[in-house]
C-alpha atoms as a PDB file:
ATOM      1  CA  MET A   1       6.858 -20.834   1.573  1.00  0.00           C
ATOM      2  CA  SER A   2       9.456 -18.094   1.129  1.00  0.00           C
ATOM      3  CA  TRP A   3       8.720 -14.611  -0.226  1.00  0.00           C
ATOM      4  CA  ASN A   4      11.326 -13.569  -2.771  1.00  0.00           C
ATOM      5  CA  GLY A   5      11.027 -10.565  -5.040  1.00  0.00           C
ATOM      6  CA  THR A   6      11.242  -6.841  -5.623  1.00  0.00           C
ATOM      7  CA  LEU A   7       9.433  -3.835  -4.180  1.00  0.00           C
ATOM      8  CA  ALA A   8       8.707  -0.690  -6.190  1.00  0.00           C
ATOM      9  CA  PHE A   9       7.150   2.498  -4.849  1.00  0.00           C
ATOM     10  CA  GLY A  10       5.351   5.276  -6.683  1.00  0.00           C
ATOM     11  CA  ALA A  11       3.061   8.148  -5.726  1.00  0.00           C
ATOM     12  CA  GLY A  12       0.143   6.501  -3.930  1.00  0.00           C
ATOM     13  CA  ARG A  13       1.197   3.038  -5.084  1.00  0.00           C
ATOM     14  CA  ALA A  14       3.455   0.140  -4.141  1.00  0.00           C
ATOM     15  CA  LEU A  15       4.205  -3.029  -6.086  1.00  0.00           C
ATOM     16  CA  PHE A  16       5.602  -6.449  -5.245  1.00  0.00           C
ATOM     17  CA  LEU A  17       7.021  -8.530  -8.099  1.00  0.00           C
ATOM     18  CA  GLY A  18       8.249 -12.047  -7.361  1.00  0.00           C
ATOM     19  CA  HIS A  19       7.400 -15.288  -5.579  1.00  0.00           C
ATOM     20  CA  ALA A  20       4.761 -15.010  -2.848  1.00  0.00           C
ATOM     21  CA  GLY A  21       3.926 -17.290   0.042  1.00  0.00           C
ATOM     22  CA  ASP A  22       0.493 -17.745   1.543  1.00  0.00           C
ATOM     23  CA  THR A  23      -1.010 -15.137   3.857  1.00  0.00           C
ATOM     24  CA  SER A  24      -3.344 -15.465   6.792  1.00  0.00           C
ATOM     25  CA  GLN A  25      -6.687 -13.687   6.624  1.00  0.00           C
ATOM     26  CA  HIS A  26      -6.177  -9.944   6.792  1.00  0.00           C
ATOM     27  CA  ALA A  27      -7.503  -6.561   5.701  1.00  0.00           C
ATOM     28  CA  HIS A  28      -5.661  -3.350   4.918  1.00  0.00           C
ATOM     29  CA  TRP A  29      -6.218   0.253   3.951  1.00  0.00           C
ATOM     30  CA  ALA A  30      -4.795  -0.162   0.473  1.00  0.00           C
ATOM     31  CA  ILE A  31      -6.754  -1.529  -2.444  1.00  0.00           C
ATOM     32  CA  GLN A  32      -4.962  -4.649  -3.666  1.00  0.00           C
ATOM     33  CA  VAL A  33      -4.586  -5.867  -7.230  1.00  0.00           C
ATOM     34  CA  ALA A  34      -3.280  -9.457  -7.409  1.00  0.00           C
ATOM     35  CA  ILE A  35      -2.232 -11.118 -10.679  1.00  0.00           C
ATOM     36  CA  GLY A  36      -0.716 -14.555 -11.117  1.00  0.00           C
ATOM     37  CA  ARG A  37       2.153 -14.428 -13.602  1.00  0.00           C
ATOM     38  CA  ASP A  38       1.945 -18.054 -14.739  1.00  0.00           C
ATOM     39  CA  ALA A  39      -1.413 -19.342 -13.536  1.00  0.00           C
ATOM     40  CA  PRO A  40      -4.551 -18.203 -11.692  1.00  0.00           C
ATOM     41  CA  LEU A  41      -4.284 -17.524  -7.963  1.00  0.00           C
ATOM     42  CA  ARG A  42      -6.440 -18.901  -5.188  1.00  0.00           C
ATOM     43  CA  HIS A  43      -8.174 -16.263  -3.067  1.00  0.00           C
ATOM     44  CA  ASP A  44     -10.561 -16.216  -0.182  1.00  0.00           C
ATOM     45  CA  VAL A  45     -12.400 -12.899  -0.083  1.00  0.00           C
ATOM     46  CA  GLY A  46     -15.042 -12.324   2.549  1.00  0.00           C
ATOM     47  CA  GLY A  47     -15.203 -16.067   3.224  1.00  0.00           C
ATOM     48  CA  VAL A  48     -15.808 -16.934  -0.450  1.00  0.00           C
ATOM     49  CA  ALA A  49     -13.060 -18.991  -2.121  1.00  0.00           C
ATOM     50  CA  SER A  50     -12.289 -18.425  -5.795  1.00  0.00           C
ATOM     51  CA  ILE A  51      -9.614 -18.885  -8.441  1.00  0.00           C
ATOM     52  CA  ALA A  52      -8.819 -16.042 -10.818  1.00  0.00           C
ATOM     53  CA  ALA A  53      -5.888 -14.831 -12.883  1.00  0.00           C
ATOM     54  CA  GLY A  54      -6.383 -11.292 -11.611  1.00  0.00           C
ATOM     55  CA  VAL A  55      -8.509  -9.759  -8.888  1.00  0.00           C
ATOM     56  CA  VAL A  56      -9.053  -6.359  -7.253  1.00  0.00           C
ATOM     57  CA  VAL A  57      -9.779  -6.362  -3.502  1.00  0.00           C
ATOM     58  CA  GLY A  58     -11.227  -3.221  -1.984  1.00  0.00           C
ATOM     59  CA  SER A  59      -9.982  -1.265   0.989  1.00  0.00           C
ATOM     60  CA  GLY A  60     -10.775  -2.903   4.327  1.00  0.00           C
ATOM     61  CA  VAL A  61     -12.015  -6.173   2.780  1.00  0.00           C
ATOM     62  CA  ARG A  62     -10.786  -9.257   4.631  1.00  0.00           C
ATOM     63  CA  HIS A  63      -9.051 -11.718   2.324  1.00  0.00           C
ATOM     64  CA  THR A  64      -6.465 -14.472   2.035  1.00  0.00           C
ATOM     65  CA  LEU A  65      -3.944 -15.071  -0.756  1.00  0.00           C
ATOM     66  CA  CYS A  66      -2.937 -18.684  -1.406  1.00  0.00           C
ATOM     67  CA  ALA A  67       0.093 -18.327  -3.667  1.00  0.00           C
ATOM     68  CA  ASP A  68       2.246 -21.213  -2.402  1.00  0.00           C
ATOM     69  CA  GLY A  69       5.411 -19.763  -3.920  1.00  0.00           C
ATOM     70  CA  ALA A  70       3.864 -18.820  -7.277  1.00  0.00           C
ATOM     71  CA  ARG A  71       5.131 -15.803  -9.221  1.00  0.00           C
ATOM     72  CA  VAL A  72       2.816 -12.849  -8.681  1.00  0.00           C
ATOM     73  CA  VAL A  73       2.336  -9.163  -9.310  1.00  0.00           C
ATOM     74  CA  LEU A  74       0.778  -7.438  -6.289  1.00  0.00           C
ATOM     75  CA  LEU A  75      -0.132  -3.774  -6.589  1.00  0.00           C
ATOM     76  CA  PHE A  76      -1.252  -1.796  -3.528  1.00  0.00           C
ATOM     77  CA  VAL A  77      -3.114   1.445  -4.265  1.00  0.00           C
ATOM     78  CA  GLU A  78      -3.929   4.125  -1.708  1.00  0.00           C
ATOM     79  CA  PRO A  79      -7.702   4.800  -1.758  1.00  0.00           C
ATOM     80  CA  LEU A  80      -7.239   8.590  -1.627  1.00  0.00           C
ATOM     81  CA  SER A  81      -5.235   8.655  -4.853  1.00  0.00           C
ATOM     82  CA  ASP A  82      -6.995   9.216  -8.180  1.00  0.00           C
ATOM     83  CA  LEU A  83      -6.311   5.608  -9.170  1.00  0.00           C
ATOM     84  CA  GLY A  84      -7.570   4.458  -5.784  1.00  0.00           C
ATOM     85  CA  ARG A  85     -10.850   6.352  -6.176  1.00  0.00           C
ATOM     86  CA  ALA A  86     -11.352   4.771  -9.581  1.00  0.00           C
ATOM     87  CA  ALA A  87     -10.512   1.315  -8.197  1.00  0.00           C
ATOM     88  CA  SER A  88     -12.997   1.767  -5.342  1.00  0.00           C
ATOM     89  CA  ALA A  89     -15.727   2.580  -7.851  1.00  0.00           C
ATOM     90  CA  PHE A  90     -14.697  -0.458  -9.912  1.00  0.00           C
ATOM     91  CA  VAL A  91     -15.050  -2.980  -7.064  1.00  0.00           C
ATOM     92  CA  GLY A  92     -18.256  -1.371  -5.767  1.00  0.00           C
ATOM     93  CA  ASP A  93     -20.226  -2.690  -2.819  1.00  0.00           C
ATOM     94  CA  PRO A  94     -19.046  -6.316  -3.040  1.00  0.00           C
ATOM     95  CA  GLY A  95     -15.517  -5.052  -2.421  1.00  0.00           C
ATOM     96  CA  VAL A  96     -13.980  -7.411  -4.963  1.00  0.00           C
ATOM     97  CA  ALA A  97     -13.894  -7.689  -8.761  1.00  0.00           C
ATOM     98  CA  VAL A  98     -12.195  -9.949 -11.293  1.00  0.00           C
ATOM     99  CA  LEU A  99      -9.819  -8.237 -13.708  1.00  0.00           C
ATOM    100  CA  ASP A 100     -10.362  -8.321 -17.431  1.00  0.00           C
ATOM    101  CA  ALA A 101      -8.186 -10.860 -19.252  1.00  0.00           C
ATOM    102  CA  THR A 102      -6.670  -8.064 -21.359  1.00  0.00           C
ATOM    103  CA  VAL A 103      -5.250  -6.375 -18.269  1.00  0.00           C
ATOM    104  CA  VAL A 104      -3.855  -9.661 -16.990  1.00  0.00           C
ATOM    105  CA  ARG A 105      -2.126 -10.354 -20.329  1.00  0.00           C
ATOM    106  CA  THR A 106      -0.687  -6.824 -20.446  1.00  0.00           C
ATOM    107  CA  VAL A 107       0.792  -7.074 -16.955  1.00  0.00           C
ATOM    108  CA  ARG A 108       2.094 -10.593 -17.539  1.00  0.00           C
ATOM    109  CA  ARG A 109       3.919  -9.483 -20.695  1.00  0.00           C
ATOM    110  CA  ALA A 110       5.540  -6.635 -18.774  1.00  0.00           C
ATOM    111  CA  ALA A 111       6.449  -8.747 -15.740  1.00  0.00           C
ATOM    112  CA  GLY A 112       9.840  -9.713 -17.135  1.00  0.00           C
ATOM    113  CA  ASN A 113      10.994  -6.107 -16.840  1.00  0.00           C
ATOM    114  CA  SER A 114      12.054  -4.159 -13.733  1.00  0.00           C
ATOM    115  CA  ALA A 115       9.486  -3.649 -10.990  1.00  0.00           C
ATOM    116  CA  ASP A 116       9.523   0.057 -11.808  1.00  0.00           C
ATOM    117  CA  ARG A 117       8.464  -0.677 -15.387  1.00  0.00           C
ATOM    118  CA  VAL A 118       5.816  -3.147 -14.260  1.00  0.00           C
ATOM    119  CA  LEU A 119       4.429  -0.506 -11.895  1.00  0.00           C
ATOM    120  CA  ASP A 120       4.070   1.917 -14.807  1.00  0.00           C
ATOM    121  CA  VAL A 121       2.481  -0.627 -17.144  1.00  0.00           C
ATOM    122  CA  ALA A 122       0.100  -2.015 -14.541  1.00  0.00           C
ATOM    123  CA  SER A 123      -1.023   1.444 -13.449  1.00  0.00           C
ATOM    124  CA  ALA A 124      -1.704   2.537 -17.036  1.00  0.00           C
ATOM    125  CA  ALA A 125      -3.612  -0.671 -17.784  1.00  0.00           C
ATOM    126  CA  LEU A 126      -5.744  -0.250 -14.674  1.00  0.00           C
ATOM    127  CA  VAL A 127      -6.563   3.361 -15.516  1.00  0.00           C
ATOM    128  CA  ARG A 128      -7.904   2.192 -18.869  1.00  0.00           C
ATOM    129  CA  THR A 129      -9.861  -0.625 -17.222  1.00  0.00           C
ATOM    130  CA  PHE A 130     -11.384   1.704 -14.657  1.00  0.00           C
ATOM    131  CA  ASP A 131     -12.424   4.112 -17.448  1.00  0.00           C
ATOM    132  CA  GLY A 132      -9.967   6.743 -16.273  1.00  0.00           C
ATOM    133  CA  PRO A 133      -9.134   7.851 -12.732  1.00  0.00           C
ATOM    134  CA  ALA A 134     -11.959   9.340 -10.733  1.00  0.00           C
ATOM    135  CA  SER A 135     -11.545  12.987  -9.896  1.00  0.00           C
ATOM    136  CA  ALA A 136     -10.643  14.086  -6.393  1.00  0.00           C
ATOM    137  CA  ALA A 137     -13.155  15.768  -4.130  1.00  0.00           C
ATOM    138  CA  PRO A 138     -13.678  19.299  -5.460  1.00  0.00           C
ATOM    139  CA  GLY A 139     -12.914  22.662  -3.971  1.00  0.00           C
ATOM    140  CA  ARG A 140     -12.785  23.183  -0.230  1.00  0.00           C
ATOM    141  CA  GLU A 141     -13.237  19.485   0.601  1.00  0.00           C
ATOM    142  CA  SER A 142     -10.226  18.542  -1.548  1.00  0.00           C
ATOM    143  CA  ALA A 143      -8.138  21.166   0.258  1.00  0.00           C
ATOM    144  CA  ARG A 144      -9.248  19.800   3.613  1.00  0.00           C
ATOM    145  CA  VAL A 145      -8.352  16.251   2.581  1.00  0.00           C
ATOM    146  CA  ARG A 146      -4.880  17.478   1.596  1.00  0.00           C
ATOM    147  CA  ALA A 147      -4.571  19.276   4.933  1.00  0.00           C
ATOM    148  CA  MET A 148      -5.594  16.097   6.759  1.00  0.00           C
ATOM    149  CA  VAL A 149      -2.966  14.075   4.898  1.00  0.00           C
ATOM    150  CA  ASP A 150      -0.267  16.667   5.651  1.00  0.00           C
ATOM    151  CA  SER A 151      -1.203  16.754   9.335  1.00  0.00           C
ATOM    152  CA  VAL A 152      -1.118  12.979   9.720  1.00  0.00           C
ATOM    153  CA  GLU A 153       2.281  12.800   8.020  1.00  0.00           C
ATOM    154  CA  ARG A 154       3.691  15.415  10.420  1.00  0.00           C
ATOM    155  CA  LEU A 155       2.341  13.576  13.468  1.00  0.00           C
ATOM    156  CA  LEU A 156       3.347  10.031  12.516  1.00  0.00           C
ATOM    157  CA  HIS A 157       6.460  10.013  14.712  1.00  0.00           C
ATOM    158  CA  GLY A 158       4.176  10.045  17.775  1.00  0.00           C
ATOM    159  CA  ARG A 159       0.494   9.809  18.619  1.00  0.00           C
ATOM    160  CA  VAL A 160      -1.996  10.846  15.953  1.00  0.00           C
ATOM    161  CA  ARG A 161      -5.108  12.059  17.756  1.00  0.00           C
ATOM    162  CA  LEU A 162      -8.332  13.013  15.998  1.00  0.00           C
ATOM    163  CA  PRO A 163      -8.643  16.372  17.863  1.00  0.00           C
ATOM    164  CA  ASP A 164      -5.085  17.363  16.853  1.00  0.00           C
ATOM    165  CA  VAL A 165      -5.682  16.559  13.190  1.00  0.00           C
ATOM    166  CA  ALA A 166      -9.051  18.294  13.312  1.00  0.00           C
ATOM    167  CA  HIS A 167      -7.440  21.431  14.740  1.00  0.00           C
ATOM    168  CA  ALA A 168      -4.831  21.445  11.958  1.00  0.00           C
ATOM    169  CA  VAL A 169      -7.537  21.072   9.311  1.00  0.00           C
ATOM    170  CA  GLY A 170      -9.824  23.676  10.857  1.00  0.00           C
ATOM    171  CA  LEU A 171     -12.744  21.358  11.562  1.00  0.00           C
ATOM    172  CA  SER A 172     -14.364  19.959  14.670  1.00  0.00           C
ATOM    173  CA  PRO A 173     -13.400  16.358  15.494  1.00  0.00           C
ATOM    174  CA  SER A 174     -16.861  15.108  14.512  1.00  0.00           C
ATOM    175  CA  ARG A 175     -16.775  16.912  11.141  1.00  0.00           C
ATOM    176  CA  LEU A 176     -13.272  15.637  10.413  1.00  0.00           C
ATOM    177  CA  ALA A 177     -14.334  12.083  11.264  1.00  0.00           C
ATOM    178  CA  ALA A 178     -17.257  12.464   8.851  1.00  0.00           C
ATOM    179  CA  LEU A 179     -14.942  13.855   6.149  1.00  0.00           C
ATOM    180  CA  VAL A 180     -12.498  10.959   6.500  1.00  0.00           C
ATOM    181  CA  ARG A 181     -15.271   8.377   6.347  1.00  0.00           C
ATOM    182  CA  ARG A 182     -16.948  10.114   3.412  1.00  0.00           C
ATOM    183  CA  THR A 183     -13.761  10.300   1.344  1.00  0.00           C
ATOM    184  CA  THR A 184     -12.237   6.950   2.326  1.00  0.00           C
ATOM    185  CA  GLY A 185     -15.085   4.777   3.588  1.00  0.00           C
ATOM    186  CA  MET A 186     -13.082   4.158   6.768  1.00  0.00           C
ATOM    187  CA  ALA A 187     -12.259   5.817  10.065  1.00  0.00           C
ATOM    188  CA  LEU A 188      -9.068   7.806  10.712  1.00  0.00           C
ATOM    189  CA  ARG A 189      -7.327   5.059  12.692  1.00  0.00           C
ATOM    190  CA  PRO A 190      -7.033   2.502   9.834  1.00  0.00           C
ATOM    191  CA  TYR A 191      -5.687   5.268   7.610  1.00  0.00           C
ATOM    192  CA  VAL A 192      -3.042   6.164  10.209  1.00  0.00           C
ATOM    193  CA  ARG A 193      -2.028   2.505  10.511  1.00  0.00           C
ATOM    194  CA  TRP A 194      -1.516   2.345   6.755  1.00  0.00           C
ATOM    195  CA  CYS A 195       0.595   5.518   6.821  1.00  0.00           C
ATOM    196  CA  ARG A 196       2.769   4.066   9.578  1.00  0.00           C
ATOM    197  CA  LEU A 197       3.270   0.815   7.682  1.00  0.00           C
ATOM    198  CA  ARG A 198       4.148   2.705   4.501  1.00  0.00           C
ATOM    199  CA  ARG A 199       6.691   4.846   6.311  1.00  0.00           C
ATOM    200  CA  ALA A 200       8.241   1.842   8.067  1.00  0.00           C
ATOM    201  CA  THR A 201       8.531  -0.045   4.779  1.00  0.00           C
ATOM    202  CA  LEU A 202      10.216   2.883   3.045  1.00  0.00           C
ATOM    203  CA  ALA A 203      12.583   3.285   5.987  1.00  0.00           C
ATOM    204  CA  VAL A 204      13.717  -0.331   5.640  1.00  0.00           C
ATOM    205  CA  VAL A 205      14.155   0.112   1.889  1.00  0.00           C
ATOM    206  CA  ARG A 206      16.386   3.100   2.625  1.00  0.00           C
ATOM    207  CA  GLY A 207      18.559   0.991   4.927  1.00  0.00           C
ATOM    208  CA  ALA A 208      17.010   1.226   8.395  1.00  0.00           C
ATOM    209  CA  THR A 209      16.766  -1.797  10.671  1.00  0.00           C
ATOM    210  CA  LEU A 210      13.305  -3.015  11.637  1.00  0.00           C
ATOM    211  CA  THR A 211      13.703  -1.361  15.052  1.00  0.00           C
ATOM    212  CA  GLU A 212      14.756   1.952  13.492  1.00  0.00           C
ATOM    213  CA  ALA A 213      11.921   1.734  10.988  1.00  0.00           C
ATOM    214  CA  ALA A 214       9.403   1.037  13.755  1.00  0.00           C
ATOM    215  CA  HIS A 215      10.487   4.096  15.714  1.00  0.00           C
ATOM    216  CA  GLU A 216      10.577   6.233  12.563  1.00  0.00           C
ATOM    217  CA  ALA A 217       6.972   5.344  11.830  1.00  0.00           C
ATOM    218  CA  GLY A 218       5.730   5.897  15.370  1.00  0.00           C
ATOM    219  CA  PHE A 219       5.461   2.270  16.508  1.00  0.00           C
ATOM    220  CA  ALA A 220       6.448   1.496  20.082  1.00  0.00           C
ATOM    221  CA  ASP A 221       8.962  -1.120  18.940  1.00  0.00           C
ATOM    222  CA  SER A 222       9.597  -3.718  16.237  1.00  0.00           C
ATOM    223  CA  ALA A 223       7.136  -6.114  17.910  1.00  0.00           C
ATOM    224  CA  HIS A 224       4.409  -3.481  17.593  1.00  0.00           C
ATOM    225  CA  LEU A 225       5.313  -3.069  13.909  1.00  0.00           C
ATOM    226  CA  ALA A 226       5.208  -6.864  13.447  1.00  0.00           C
ATOM    227  CA  ARG A 227       1.751  -7.187  15.009  1.00  0.00           C
ATOM    228  CA  THR A 228       0.359  -4.349  12.901  1.00  0.00           C
ATOM    229  CA  MET A 229       1.824  -5.660   9.652  1.00  0.00           C
ATOM    230  CA  ARG A 230       0.587  -9.154  10.414  1.00  0.00           C
ATOM    231  CA  ALA A 231      -2.945  -7.816  10.920  1.00  0.00           C
ATOM    232  CA  ALA A 232      -2.770  -5.651   7.792  1.00  0.00           C
ATOM    233  CA  PHE A 233      -1.036  -7.970   5.318  1.00  0.00           C
ATOM    234  CA  GLY A 234      -1.130 -11.449   6.821  1.00  0.00           C
ATOM    235  CA  VAL A 235       2.684 -11.601   6.985  1.00  0.00           C
ATOM    236  CA  THR A 236       5.348 -10.390   9.397  1.00  0.00           C
ATOM    237  CA  PRO A 237       8.043  -7.802   8.574  1.00  0.00           C
ATOM    238  CA  SER A 238      10.739 -10.488   8.768  1.00  0.00           C
ATOM    239  CA  ALA A 239       8.898 -12.397   6.032  1.00  0.00           C
ATOM    240  CA  VAL A 240       9.171  -9.635   3.473  1.00  0.00           C
ATOM    241  CA  LEU A 241      11.273  -6.741   4.744  1.00  0.00           C
ATOM    242  CA  SER A 242      14.327  -8.167   6.467  1.00  0.00           C
ATOM    243  CA  GLN A 243      16.501  -7.639   3.403  1.00  0.00           C
ATOM    244  CA  ALA A 244      14.460  -4.981   1.641  1.00  0.00           C
ATOM    245  CA  GLY A 245      17.349  -2.536   1.719  1.00  0.00           C
ATOM    246  CA  GLY A 246      19.657  -4.924  -0.082  1.00  0.00           C
ATOM    247  CA  ARG A 247      19.694  -3.341  -3.544  1.00  0.00           C
ATOM    248  CA  ALA A 248      18.049  -0.211  -4.901  1.00  0.00           C
ATOM    249  CA  GLU A 249      17.594  -0.195  -8.663  1.00  0.00           C
ATOM    250  CA  ARG A 250      16.542   3.376  -9.167  1.00  0.00           C
ATOM    251  CA  ALA A 251      15.491   6.495  -7.263  1.00  0.00           C
ATOM    252  CA  ARG A 252      13.588   9.562  -8.385  1.00  0.00           C
ATOM    253  CA  ARG A 253      12.777  12.865  -6.767  1.00  0.00           C
ATOM    254  CA  ALA A 254      10.369  13.106  -3.829  1.00  0.00           C
ATOM    255  CA  ALA A 255       6.722  13.315  -4.795  1.00  0.00           C
ATOM    256  CA  PRO A 256       3.255  13.343  -3.161  1.00  0.00           C
ATOM    257  CA  ASP A 257       2.021   9.996  -1.860  1.00  0.00           C
ATOM    258  CA  ILE A 258      -1.737  10.264  -1.772  1.00  0.00           C
ATOM    259  CA  VAL A 259      -3.307  13.567  -2.755  1.00  0.00           C
ATOM    260  CA  SER A 260      -1.705  15.863  -5.287  1.00  0.00           C
ATOM    261  CA  GLY A 261       0.226  18.578  -3.520  1.00  0.00           C
ATOM    262  CA  THR A 262       1.042  16.783  -0.284  1.00  0.00           C
ATOM    263  CA  ARG A 263       4.545  16.111   0.947  1.00  0.00           C
ATOM    264  CA  ALA A 264       6.000  13.663   3.404  1.00  0.00           C
ATOM    265  CA  ALA A 265       7.188  14.880   6.785  1.00  0.00           C
ATOM    266  CA  PRO A 266      10.965  15.363   7.317  1.00  0.00           C
ATOM    267  CA  ARG A 267      12.822  12.142   7.999  1.00  0.00           C
ATOM    268  CA  SER A 268      14.962  11.286  10.984  1.00  0.00           C
ATOM    269  CA  ARG A 269      18.651  10.387  10.676  1.00  0.00           C
ATOM    270  CA  ALA A 270      17.732   6.736  10.254  1.00  0.00           C
ATOM    271  CA  HIS A 271      15.458   7.723   7.393  1.00  0.00           C
ATOM    272  CA  GLN A 272      18.102   9.897   5.729  1.00  0.00           C
ATOM    273  CA  ARG A 273      20.493   7.101   4.856  1.00  0.00           C
ATOM    274  CA  ALA A 274      19.502   7.265   1.206  1.00  0.00           C
ATOM    275  CA  PRO A 275      18.010  10.018  -0.974  1.00  0.00           C
ATOM    276  CA  ASP A 276      14.260  10.435  -0.914  1.00  0.00           C
ATOM    277  CA  ALA A 277      12.530   8.810  -3.846  1.00  0.00           C
ATOM    278  CA  ARG A 278       9.385   8.901  -5.826  1.00  0.00           C
ATOM    279  CA  ARG A 279      10.303   5.447  -7.022  1.00  0.00           C
ATOM    280  CA  ARG A 280      12.387   3.035  -5.035  1.00  0.00           C
ATOM    281  CA  THR A 281      12.926  -0.588  -6.005  1.00  0.00           C
ATOM    282  CA  SER A 282      14.631  -3.101  -3.757  1.00  0.00           C
ATOM    283  CA  THR A 283      15.032  -6.839  -3.794  1.00  0.00           C
ATOM    284  CA  PHE A 284      14.280  -8.858  -0.719  1.00  0.00           C
ATOM    285  CA  ARG A 285      14.060 -12.409   0.449  1.00  0.00           C
ATOM    286  CA  GLY A 286      12.491 -13.718   3.595  1.00  0.00           C
ATOM    287  CA  PRO A 287      10.990 -16.762   5.257  1.00  0.00           C
ATOM    288  CA  GLY A 288       7.350 -17.569   4.857  1.00  0.00           C
ATOM    289  CA  PRO A 289       4.948 -15.874   7.281  1.00  0.00           C
ATOM    290  CA  THR A 290       4.664 -17.486  10.663  1.00  0.00           C
ATOM    291  CA  GLY A 291       1.420 -19.119  11.609  1.00  0.00           C
ATOM    292  CA  SER A 292       0.017 -19.236   8.070  1.00  0.00           C
END
């Protein structure tokens, strides 16, 4: 089934609004919020099948979405953002939680607007549901997390090695690894994969080809990008990104992605085809994922 819809990007967040196909089983760094616009969605989370109008899936939790062309709102939240910390606390140890019906109704009512507007409404509704965003790690640890994020962003064009990031942060490799796991619940490598996928997606939205986007994000080639996206999202880039640069609705100034105060690394020529944006919305259409 074909994917057909609109992407919107905000600080630490990304949203898909439109018709979704099925995905194969996958897990990704981002916390996922999935809401069916017209009817409940079928999910398989951790091997347990369920039907719900809205669900939150934690970072790194393996899951499958069975949308079969239904209209959906999919929100991806970076775990290191304030909203992501609150979402992680909300899903808890099971790694999955059903959304309150009030949130589902609020997002459904807003879904007829632009993806940018839906992103705002959904984020505000989730903050209320999660009892307000959790605070970032205090003091020195927060500064080190910001330094880690900055270092990874600077290194994304090539190899991102734990010792190099540790040196930039001023910690030993073992202490940095412990910091990353303590603040994210995951190792550095999955976080780097997510950063690469985010950068590649934004590059395509700005007008880059899949090959240009792959190189911009530090992938060896477009095939490497395809394999990584398939593992992370259960779909291939051609399924959802082949025409992502078709139409931009609105752009805002550059802003931090994950932790307040961080900035993205400078972009290459391929990445400079359009102004940087805090919010970028683009329509896309693509074939259904292969092998689903």
